[in-house]
């Protein structure tokens, strides 16, 4: 049975592309022109996102290199311990809203330290899989859509992130 699923997963994208091409030919649509127009729009969107990506990565590197991230970790540990969140999750909790790739590196380090089958390892995996990179998403999506006022999005995103963190820890604690 698994070989059938593997074959389907390997062939899905080629069949999808072939189906789209056949449909375009059947409708006599200018497929190549549509494709090149889509590439142009994609490159414009990528160029529009570049300053926001640079700002996020520069800010993250500045926080880490200056020691501010370590200061924030030390500041957050008592609060997180008071609500039942292990201190080993603190770096992941602080980094996940900013950087997905950076948080994956922290997740890997956490799993090597405590093990994937431990309470902290399971909570870290659930947290990484269920919590969004709030600042990254807001920066990228709003730069592409030219939305300037994010007054309500940031607080709601951070509240949802906090609920995701608490949910990840509590699910591991009670299951």
Protein backbone atom coordinates (compact mmCIF):
# COMPACT_ATOMS: atom_id res chain seq x y z
CA UNK A 1 0.00 0.00 0.00
CA UNK A 2 2.83 2.40 0.80
CA UNK A 3 4.28 1.98 -2.71
CA UNK A 4 0.97 3.21 -4.15
CA UNK A 5 1.06 6.33 -1.98
CA UNK A 6 4.69 6.91 -2.88
CA UNK A 7 3.90 6.65 -6.59
CA UNK A 8 0.99 9.09 -6.20
CA UNK A 9 3.15 11.59 -4.32
CA UNK A 10 5.95 11.37 -6.88
CA UNK A 11 3.62 11.73 -9.88
CA UNK A 12 1.23 14.36 -8.47
CA UNK A 13 3.11 17.47 -9.62
CA UNK A 14 3.89 16.19 -13.16
CA UNK A 15 0.25 15.13 -13.65
CA UNK A 16 -0.98 18.46 -12.31
CA UNK A 17 1.31 20.42 -14.68
CA UNK A 18 0.35 18.19 -17.60
CA UNK A 19 -3.33 18.61 -16.78
CA UNK A 20 -3.01 22.41 -16.69
CA UNK A 21 -1.13 22.42 -20.01
CA UNK A 22 -3.72 20.14 -21.65
CA UNK A 23 -6.58 22.29 -20.36
CA UNK A 24 -4.86 25.44 -21.69
CA UNK A 25 -4.31 23.82 -25.09
CA UNK A 26 -7.92 22.63 -25.16
CA UNK A 27 -9.14 26.18 -24.40
CA UNK A 28 -6.62 27.57 -26.95
CA UNK A 29 -5.14 29.88 -24.33
CA UNK A 30 -1.75 31.57 -24.89
CA UNK A 31 -0.01 29.34 -22.32
CA UNK A 32 3.54 30.64 -22.81
CA UNK A 33 2.44 34.28 -22.52
CA UNK A 34 0.52 33.50 -19.33
CA UNK A 35 3.59 31.75 -17.94
CA UNK A 36 5.98 34.62 -18.72
CA UNK A 37 3.49 37.15 -17.29
CA UNK A 38 3.30 35.11 -14.09
CA UNK A 39 7.09 35.00 -13.85
CA UNK A 40 7.25 38.80 -14.26
CA UNK A 41 4.70 39.31 -11.48
CA UNK A 42 6.53 36.83 -9.25
CA UNK A 43 9.84 38.64 -9.73
CA UNK A 44 8.19 41.98 -8.91
CA UNK A 45 6.74 40.49 -5.73
CA UNK A 46 10.13 39.01 -4.77
CA UNK A 47 11.85 42.35 -5.36
CA UNK A 48 9.21 44.05 -3.20
CA UNK A 49 9.78 41.57 -0.36
CA UNK A 50 13.57 41.86 -0.36
CA UNK A 51 13.86 44.97 1.87
CA UNK A 52 11.54 43.43 4.46
CA UNK A 53 13.47 40.16 4.46
CA UNK A 54 16.74 42.02 4.86
CA UNK A 55 15.32 44.02 7.78
CA UNK A 56 14.09 40.86 9.54
CA UNK A 57 17.39 39.01 9.13
CA UNK A 58 19.46 42.05 10.10
CA UNK A 59 17.33 42.63 13.20
CA UNK A 60 17.57 38.97 14.21
CA UNK A 61 21.33 38.90 13.78
CA UNK A 62 21.65 42.15 15.74
CA UNK A 63 19.58 40.73 18.61
CA UNK A 64 21.67 37.59 18.74
CA UNK A 65 25.11 39.19 18.34
CA UNK A 66 24.45 41.99 20.84
CA UNK A 67 23.40 39.63 23.62
CA UNK A 68 19.87 41.04 23.70
CA UNK A 69 18.41 37.62 22.90
CA UNK A 70 20.19 36.10 25.92
CA UNK A 71 18.96 39.01 28.06
CA UNK A 72 15.38 38.40 26.88
CA UNK A 73 15.74 34.70 27.62
CA UNK A 74 16.87 35.43 31.18
CA UNK A 75 14.05 37.93 31.57
CA UNK A 76 11.38 35.50 30.31
CA UNK A 77 12.52 32.38 32.20
CA UNK A 78 10.85 33.22 35.56
CA UNK A 79 7.53 34.02 33.88
CA UNK A 80 7.62 30.89 31.74
CA UNK A 81 8.57 28.72 34.73
CA UNK A 82 5.68 30.22 36.72
CA UNK A 83 3.15 29.06 34.09
CA UNK A 84 4.72 25.62 33.74
CA UNK A 85 6.84 26.02 30.63
CA UNK A 86 10.31 24.41 30.91
CA UNK A 87 13.26 26.77 30.60
CA UNK A 88 14.76 24.69 27.77
CA UNK A 89 11.93 25.96 25.53
CA UNK A 90 12.69 29.65 26.16
CA UNK A 91 15.06 30.18 23.18
CA UNK A 92 12.62 28.46 20.84
CA UNK A 93 9.66 30.46 22.15
CA UNK A 94 11.50 33.76 21.66
CA UNK A 95 12.92 32.93 18.24
CA UNK A 96 9.96 31.20 16.56
CA UNK A 97 7.87 34.37 15.94
CA UNK A 98 10.82 35.97 14.17
CA UNK A 99 12.58 33.28 12.18
CA UNK A 100 11.44 29.87 11.01
CA UNK A 101 14.90 28.68 9.96
CA UNK A 102 16.52 30.04 13.12
CA UNK A 103 13.92 28.31 15.26
CA UNK A 104 14.56 25.02 13.41
CA UNK A 105 18.23 25.28 14.37
CA UNK A 106 17.21 25.87 18.00
CA UNK A 107 14.78 22.92 17.76
CA UNK A 108 17.57 20.68 16.48
CA UNK A 109 19.85 21.77 19.33
CA UNK A 110 17.06 21.19 21.87
CA UNK A 111 16.35 17.70 20.51
CA UNK A 112 20.05 16.80 20.63
CA UNK A 113 20.25 18.01 24.23
CA UNK A 114 17.06 16.57 25.77
CA UNK A 115 16.05 13.93 23.23
CA UNK A 116 12.98 13.74 20.98
CA UNK A 117 11.03 11.45 23.31
CA UNK A 118 11.31 13.69 26.37
CA UNK A 119 8.57 16.06 27.50
CA UNK A 120 10.61 19.09 26.38
CA UNK A 121 11.44 17.46 23.03
CA UNK A 122 7.81 16.64 22.26
CA UNK A 123 6.67 20.12 23.34
CA UNK A 124 9.37 21.73 21.20
CA UNK A 125 8.28 19.71 18.16
CA UNK A 126 4.61 20.57 18.62
CA UNK A 127 5.48 24.23 19.21
CA UNK A 128 7.58 24.35 16.03
CA UNK A 129 4.89 22.70 13.97
CA UNK A 130 1.91 24.62 15.27
CA UNK A 131 3.15 28.16 15.93
CA UNK A 132 3.58 30.71 13.18
CA UNK A 133 6.48 33.06 12.50
CA UNK A 134 4.34 36.11 13.30
CA UNK A 135 6.75 38.94 12.49
CA UNK A 136 8.03 37.25 9.35
CA UNK A 137 4.52 36.61 8.01
CA UNK A 138 3.34 40.13 8.79
CA UNK A 139 6.45 41.64 7.17
CA UNK A 140 6.25 39.52 4.02
CA UNK A 141 2.50 39.38 3.44
CA UNK A 142 1.89 43.02 4.13
CA UNK A 143 4.83 44.10 1.99
CA UNK A 144 3.43 42.17 -0.98
CA UNK A 145 -0.13 43.41 -0.52
CA UNK A 146 0.97 47.01 0.26
CA UNK A 147 -1.01 47.05 3.53
CA UNK A 148 0.41 49.78 5.76
CA UNK A 149 -1.75 49.61 8.89
CA UNK A 150 -1.12 46.47 10.93
CA UNK A 151 -2.52 47.84 14.19
CA UNK A 152 -4.73 44.85 14.98
CA UNK A 153 -2.80 42.10 13.21
CA UNK A 154 0.31 42.17 15.37
CA UNK A 155 -1.43 41.91 18.76
CA UNK A 156 -3.81 39.22 17.50
CA UNK A 157 -0.92 37.30 15.95
CA UNK A 158 1.05 37.42 19.21
CA UNK A 159 -1.99 36.37 21.26
CA UNK A 160 -2.52 33.40 18.93
CA UNK A 161 1.17 32.58 19.19
CA UNK A 162 0.96 32.58 23.01
CA UNK A 163 -2.09 30.29 22.84
CA UNK A 164 -0.13 27.97 20.53
CA UNK A 165 2.81 27.85 22.95
CA UNK A 166 0.57 27.12 25.93
CA UNK A 167 -1.37 24.56 23.91
CA UNK A 168 1.81 22.75 22.84
CA UNK A 169 3.06 22.48 26.41
CA UNK A 170 -0.29 21.54 27.92
CA UNK A 171 -1.01 18.93 25.25
CA UNK A 172 2.32 17.25 26.02
CA UNK A 173 1.72 17.52 29.75
CA UNK A 174 -1.71 15.89 29.71
CA UNK A 175 -1.26 13.33 26.92
